[in-house]
N, C-alpha and C. Protein backbone atom coordinates (compact mmCIF):
# COMPACT_ATOMS: atom_id res chain seq x y z
N MET A 1 15.49 10.94 -18.22
CA MET A 1 14.51 11.93 -17.80
C MET A 1 15.04 12.64 -16.55
N LEU A 2 14.90 13.94 -16.53
CA LEU A 2 15.39 14.73 -15.41
C LEU A 2 14.24 15.30 -14.59
N ALA A 3 14.46 15.37 -13.29
CA ALA A 3 13.52 16.02 -12.39
C ALA A 3 14.15 17.32 -11.91
N ARG A 4 13.32 18.32 -11.71
CA ARG A 4 13.81 19.62 -11.26
C ARG A 4 13.24 19.94 -9.88
N LYS A 5 13.88 20.84 -9.19
CA LYS A 5 13.46 21.23 -7.85
C LYS A 5 11.97 21.54 -7.85
N GLY A 6 11.26 20.97 -6.87
CA GLY A 6 9.83 21.18 -6.74
C GLY A 6 8.97 20.17 -7.47
N ASP A 7 9.57 19.34 -8.34
CA ASP A 7 8.79 18.30 -9.03
C ASP A 7 8.30 17.25 -8.04
N TRP A 8 7.14 16.69 -8.33
CA TRP A 8 6.57 15.59 -7.53
C TRP A 8 7.27 14.31 -7.95
N VAL A 9 7.92 13.65 -7.00
CA VAL A 9 8.73 12.46 -7.31
C VAL A 9 8.49 11.37 -6.27
N GLN A 10 9.03 10.20 -6.55
CA GLN A 10 8.98 9.09 -5.61
C GLN A 10 10.39 8.56 -5.41
N ILE A 11 10.74 8.31 -4.14
CA ILE A 11 12.04 7.74 -3.83
C ILE A 11 11.86 6.39 -3.15
N GLU A 12 12.94 5.64 -3.14
CA GLU A 12 12.97 4.34 -2.47
C GLU A 12 14.08 4.39 -1.43
N VAL A 13 13.76 3.93 -0.23
CA VAL A 13 14.72 3.95 0.88
C VAL A 13 14.81 2.54 1.44
N THR A 14 16.02 2.03 1.62
CA THR A 14 16.19 0.72 2.24
C THR A 14 16.19 0.91 3.75
N ILE A 15 15.24 0.27 4.41
CA ILE A 15 15.10 0.36 5.87
C ILE A 15 16.00 -0.68 6.54
N LEU A 16 15.92 -1.92 6.08
CA LEU A 16 16.74 -3.01 6.63
C LEU A 16 17.33 -3.82 5.48
N SER A 17 18.61 -4.11 5.56
CA SER A 17 19.23 -5.00 4.58
C SER A 17 18.82 -6.44 4.92
N PRO A 18 19.02 -7.39 4.01
CA PRO A 18 18.65 -8.78 4.32
C PRO A 18 19.28 -9.30 5.61
N GLU A 19 20.52 -8.89 5.89
CA GLU A 19 21.21 -9.35 7.10
C GLU A 19 20.59 -8.78 8.38
N GLU A 20 19.91 -7.65 8.27
CA GLU A 20 19.32 -6.99 9.43
C GLU A 20 17.89 -7.44 9.72
N ARG A 21 17.31 -8.26 8.85
CA ARG A 21 15.92 -8.68 9.02
C ARG A 21 15.79 -9.55 10.26
N ALA A 22 14.61 -9.54 10.87
CA ALA A 22 14.35 -10.32 12.08
C ALA A 22 14.46 -11.81 11.79
N PRO A 23 14.95 -12.59 12.75
CA PRO A 23 15.14 -14.03 12.51
C PRO A 23 13.84 -14.80 12.30
N GLN A 24 12.72 -14.30 12.80
CA GLN A 24 11.46 -15.04 12.71
C GLN A 24 10.71 -14.82 11.39
N VAL A 25 11.20 -13.95 10.50
CA VAL A 25 10.49 -13.75 9.24
C VAL A 25 10.73 -14.94 8.32
N PRO A 26 9.81 -15.22 7.40
CA PRO A 26 9.97 -16.36 6.49
C PRO A 26 11.26 -16.26 5.68
N GLU A 27 11.78 -17.40 5.28
CA GLU A 27 13.06 -17.47 4.57
C GLU A 27 13.08 -16.61 3.31
N ASP A 28 12.00 -16.66 2.51
CA ASP A 28 12.00 -15.87 1.28
C ASP A 28 12.00 -14.37 1.58
N THR A 29 11.41 -13.98 2.70
CA THR A 29 11.40 -12.57 3.11
C THR A 29 12.78 -12.13 3.58
N LYS A 30 13.49 -13.01 4.27
CA LYS A 30 14.83 -12.69 4.77
C LYS A 30 15.81 -12.38 3.65
N LYS A 31 15.55 -12.89 2.46
CA LYS A 31 16.49 -12.74 1.34
C LYS A 31 16.46 -11.36 0.69
N VAL A 32 15.45 -10.57 0.98
CA VAL A 32 15.32 -9.26 0.32
C VAL A 32 15.31 -8.14 1.36
N PRO A 33 15.76 -6.95 0.98
CA PRO A 33 15.75 -5.84 1.92
C PRO A 33 14.33 -5.33 2.18
N LEU A 34 14.12 -4.74 3.34
CA LEU A 34 12.86 -4.07 3.65
C LEU A 34 12.98 -2.66 3.11
N GLN A 35 12.10 -2.30 2.19
CA GLN A 35 12.19 -1.00 1.55
C GLN A 35 10.88 -0.24 1.69
N MET A 36 11.00 1.09 1.66
CA MET A 36 9.80 1.92 1.64
C MET A 36 9.89 2.86 0.45
N ARG A 37 8.75 3.23 -0.03
CA ARG A 37 8.67 4.21 -1.11
C ARG A 37 7.92 5.41 -0.56
N VAL A 38 8.44 6.58 -0.88
CA VAL A 38 7.88 7.82 -0.36
C VAL A 38 7.75 8.82 -1.51
N LYS A 39 6.62 9.53 -1.53
CA LYS A 39 6.42 10.57 -2.54
C LYS A 39 6.56 11.94 -1.90
N GLY A 40 7.07 12.88 -2.68
CA GLY A 40 7.22 14.23 -2.17
C GLY A 40 7.79 15.14 -3.24
N PHE A 41 8.14 16.36 -2.82
CA PHE A 41 8.67 17.37 -3.73
C PHE A 41 10.19 17.36 -3.68
N LEU A 42 10.81 17.33 -4.85
CA LEU A 42 12.27 17.27 -4.95
C LEU A 42 12.89 18.53 -4.37
N ILE A 43 13.89 18.35 -3.51
CA ILE A 43 14.62 19.46 -2.91
C ILE A 43 15.84 19.81 -3.76
N ASN A 44 16.49 18.80 -4.33
CA ASN A 44 17.67 19.02 -5.17
C ASN A 44 17.31 19.89 -6.37
N GLU A 45 18.29 20.60 -6.90
CA GLU A 45 18.05 21.47 -8.06
C GLU A 45 17.67 20.66 -9.30
N ILE A 46 18.38 19.56 -9.53
CA ILE A 46 18.13 18.72 -10.70
C ILE A 46 18.60 17.30 -10.38
N ALA A 47 17.91 16.29 -10.89
CA ALA A 47 18.29 14.90 -10.60
C ALA A 47 17.76 13.99 -11.69
N SER A 48 18.47 12.88 -11.90
CA SER A 48 18.01 11.87 -12.85
C SER A 48 17.61 10.62 -12.07
N LEU A 49 16.90 9.74 -12.73
CA LEU A 49 16.48 8.50 -12.09
C LEU A 49 17.69 7.75 -11.55
N ASP A 50 17.54 7.09 -10.43
CA ASP A 50 18.56 6.33 -9.70
C ASP A 50 19.52 7.21 -8.91
N ALA A 51 19.40 8.52 -9.00
CA ALA A 51 20.27 9.40 -8.21
C ALA A 51 19.78 9.43 -6.76
N THR A 52 20.69 9.70 -5.83
CA THR A 52 20.31 9.89 -4.43
C THR A 52 19.86 11.34 -4.26
N VAL A 53 18.62 11.50 -3.79
CA VAL A 53 18.02 12.83 -3.68
C VAL A 53 17.32 12.98 -2.33
N SER A 54 16.94 14.22 -2.04
CA SER A 54 16.13 14.50 -0.86
C SER A 54 14.80 15.07 -1.32
N ILE A 55 13.75 14.71 -0.59
CA ILE A 55 12.41 15.22 -0.91
C ILE A 55 11.78 15.77 0.36
N GLN A 56 10.77 16.60 0.16
CA GLN A 56 9.95 17.05 1.28
C GLN A 56 8.56 16.48 1.05
N THR A 57 8.06 15.73 2.03
CA THR A 57 6.75 15.09 1.90
C THR A 57 5.65 16.11 2.14
N MET A 58 4.42 15.72 1.89
CA MET A 58 3.28 16.60 2.13
C MET A 58 3.16 16.99 3.60
N THR A 59 3.70 16.16 4.49
CA THR A 59 3.64 16.48 5.92
C THR A 59 4.86 17.25 6.39
N GLY A 60 5.77 17.58 5.46
CA GLY A 60 6.93 18.38 5.81
C GLY A 60 8.18 17.61 6.17
N ARG A 61 8.12 16.27 6.17
CA ARG A 61 9.32 15.48 6.48
C ARG A 61 10.31 15.59 5.34
N ILE A 62 11.59 15.58 5.67
CA ILE A 62 12.65 15.53 4.68
C ILE A 62 13.19 14.11 4.68
N VAL A 63 13.17 13.46 3.52
CA VAL A 63 13.59 12.07 3.40
C VAL A 63 14.58 11.97 2.23
N THR A 64 15.64 11.19 2.42
CA THR A 64 16.64 10.99 1.38
C THR A 64 16.59 9.55 0.90
N GLY A 65 16.67 9.36 -0.40
CA GLY A 65 16.65 8.02 -0.97
C GLY A 65 16.95 8.05 -2.46
N ARG A 66 16.75 6.93 -3.11
CA ARG A 66 17.04 6.77 -4.54
C ARG A 66 15.81 7.16 -5.35
N LEU A 67 15.98 8.07 -6.30
CA LEU A 67 14.88 8.53 -7.14
C LEU A 67 14.43 7.40 -8.07
N VAL A 68 13.16 7.00 -7.95
CA VAL A 68 12.64 5.90 -8.76
C VAL A 68 11.54 6.32 -9.74
N ALA A 69 10.92 7.48 -9.52
CA ALA A 69 9.86 7.92 -10.43
C ALA A 69 9.71 9.43 -10.38
N ILE A 70 9.41 10.00 -11.53
CA ILE A 70 9.12 11.42 -11.64
C ILE A 70 7.65 11.55 -12.00
N ASN A 71 6.93 12.36 -11.23
CA ASN A 71 5.48 12.50 -11.39
C ASN A 71 4.80 11.13 -11.33
N PRO A 72 4.99 10.40 -10.21
CA PRO A 72 4.46 9.03 -10.10
C PRO A 72 2.93 8.99 -10.06
N LYS A 73 2.39 7.89 -10.58
CA LYS A 73 0.95 7.67 -10.55
C LYS A 73 0.52 7.22 -9.16
N TYR A 74 -0.74 7.44 -8.86
CA TYR A 74 -1.34 6.86 -7.66
C TYR A 74 -1.92 5.53 -8.09
N GLU A 75 -1.42 4.45 -7.53
CA GLU A 75 -1.90 3.13 -7.89
C GLU A 75 -2.22 2.36 -6.61
N HIS A 76 -3.35 1.68 -6.62
CA HIS A 76 -3.70 0.83 -5.49
C HIS A 76 -4.51 -0.33 -6.03
N ASP A 77 -4.34 -1.47 -5.40
CA ASP A 77 -4.97 -2.68 -5.91
C ASP A 77 -5.26 -3.60 -4.73
N PHE A 78 -6.45 -4.17 -4.70
CA PHE A 78 -6.79 -5.12 -3.66
C PHE A 78 -6.56 -6.56 -4.11
N GLY A 79 -5.96 -6.75 -5.28
CA GLY A 79 -5.68 -8.10 -5.77
C GLY A 79 -6.83 -8.67 -6.56
N GLU A 80 -6.74 -9.96 -6.84
CA GLU A 80 -7.75 -10.66 -7.62
C GLU A 80 -9.03 -10.81 -6.80
N PRO A 81 -10.20 -10.77 -7.46
CA PRO A 81 -11.45 -10.96 -6.72
C PRO A 81 -11.55 -12.38 -6.15
N ILE A 82 -12.16 -12.49 -4.99
CA ILE A 82 -12.38 -13.79 -4.36
C ILE A 82 -13.80 -14.21 -4.72
N PRO A 83 -13.97 -15.28 -5.49
CA PRO A 83 -15.29 -15.66 -6.00
C PRO A 83 -16.36 -15.74 -4.92
N GLU A 84 -16.03 -16.29 -3.77
CA GLU A 84 -17.02 -16.45 -2.70
C GLU A 84 -17.52 -15.10 -2.17
N LEU A 85 -16.69 -14.08 -2.26
CA LEU A 85 -17.08 -12.77 -1.72
C LEU A 85 -17.87 -11.93 -2.71
N ILE A 86 -17.83 -12.28 -3.97
CA ILE A 86 -18.51 -11.49 -4.99
C ILE A 86 -20.02 -11.49 -4.76
N THR A 87 -20.60 -12.63 -4.41
CA THR A 87 -22.05 -12.76 -4.28
C THR A 87 -22.54 -12.75 -2.84
N ILE A 88 -21.65 -12.64 -1.87
CA ILE A 88 -22.06 -12.80 -0.48
C ILE A 88 -23.03 -11.72 -0.01
N GLY A 89 -22.87 -10.48 -0.49
CA GLY A 89 -23.78 -9.41 -0.08
C GLY A 89 -25.20 -9.69 -0.52
N LYS A 90 -25.36 -10.11 -1.76
CA LYS A 90 -26.68 -10.44 -2.30
C LYS A 90 -27.29 -11.62 -1.54
N GLU A 91 -26.48 -12.65 -1.31
CA GLU A 91 -26.97 -13.83 -0.59
C GLU A 91 -27.40 -13.47 0.83
N LEU A 92 -26.64 -12.63 1.50
CA LEU A 92 -26.98 -12.24 2.87
C LEU A 92 -28.28 -11.44 2.90
N ARG A 93 -28.46 -10.52 1.95
CA ARG A 93 -29.72 -9.77 1.90
C ARG A 93 -30.91 -10.70 1.70
N GLU A 94 -30.76 -11.70 0.83
CA GLU A 94 -31.85 -12.65 0.60
C GLU A 94 -32.18 -13.41 1.88
N ILE A 95 -31.17 -13.81 2.63
CA ILE A 95 -31.39 -14.53 3.88
C ILE A 95 -32.10 -13.63 4.89
N LEU A 96 -31.61 -12.40 5.03
CA LEU A 96 -32.20 -11.49 6.01
C LEU A 96 -33.61 -11.06 5.65
N GLU A 97 -33.93 -11.01 4.36
CA GLU A 97 -35.26 -10.60 3.93
C GLU A 97 -36.26 -11.76 3.91
N SER A 98 -35.78 -12.99 4.03
CA SER A 98 -36.69 -14.13 4.03
C SER A 98 -37.34 -14.26 5.40
N PRO A 99 -38.52 -14.90 5.49
CA PRO A 99 -39.18 -15.09 6.79
C PRO A 99 -38.30 -15.85 7.78
N GLU A 100 -37.56 -16.84 7.31
CA GLU A 100 -36.68 -17.59 8.19
C GLU A 100 -35.56 -16.71 8.71
N GLY A 101 -35.02 -15.88 7.85
CA GLY A 101 -33.93 -14.98 8.23
C GLY A 101 -34.38 -13.96 9.25
N ASN A 102 -35.61 -13.43 9.10
CA ASN A 102 -36.12 -12.43 10.04
C ASN A 102 -36.34 -13.02 11.42
N SER A 103 -36.84 -14.26 11.50
CA SER A 103 -37.07 -14.85 12.82
C SER A 103 -35.75 -15.12 13.51
N LYS A 104 -34.73 -15.51 12.77
CA LYS A 104 -33.42 -15.74 13.38
C LYS A 104 -32.81 -14.43 13.83
N GLN A 105 -33.04 -13.37 13.06
CA GLN A 105 -32.49 -12.07 13.41
C GLN A 105 -33.13 -11.54 14.69
N ASN A 106 -34.39 -11.87 14.93
CA ASN A 106 -35.11 -11.37 16.10
C ASN A 106 -35.07 -12.33 17.27
N GLY A 107 -34.06 -13.13 17.37
CA GLY A 107 -33.91 -13.99 18.54
C GLY A 107 -34.26 -15.44 18.30
N GLY A 108 -34.51 -15.82 17.07
CA GLY A 108 -34.79 -17.23 16.78
C GLY A 108 -36.25 -17.57 16.97
N ASP A 109 -36.56 -18.84 16.84
CA ASP A 109 -37.94 -19.31 16.99
C ASP A 109 -38.29 -19.38 18.46
N GLN A 110 -39.26 -18.58 18.87
CA GLN A 110 -39.71 -18.62 20.26
C GLN A 110 -41.16 -19.04 20.26
N LYS A 111 -41.46 -20.10 20.99
CA LYS A 111 -42.84 -20.61 21.04
C LYS A 111 -43.36 -20.55 22.43
């Protein structure tokens, strides 16, 4: 698949190689490079995946890296749901709406 000048693309840039990583990072982290992914508009006339290209980001920065996606999707994920957090809002409302919850909210039991 080819990308043409002006296409929306995503590149990958290696920030630190494994040897350049800080000594205090965990061992499994030290084994891999620190990389960033950046989306922007292709500056090169034409490019294929894995080629080294330059892009212009929405903020106007020019960044050079390896082309990894053409017309990339927007994806975001907060991970798997945490069972305890699924019902906590409902449980808290029940506590606050109960007579015991209201007295605690207003400074506790005062006699």
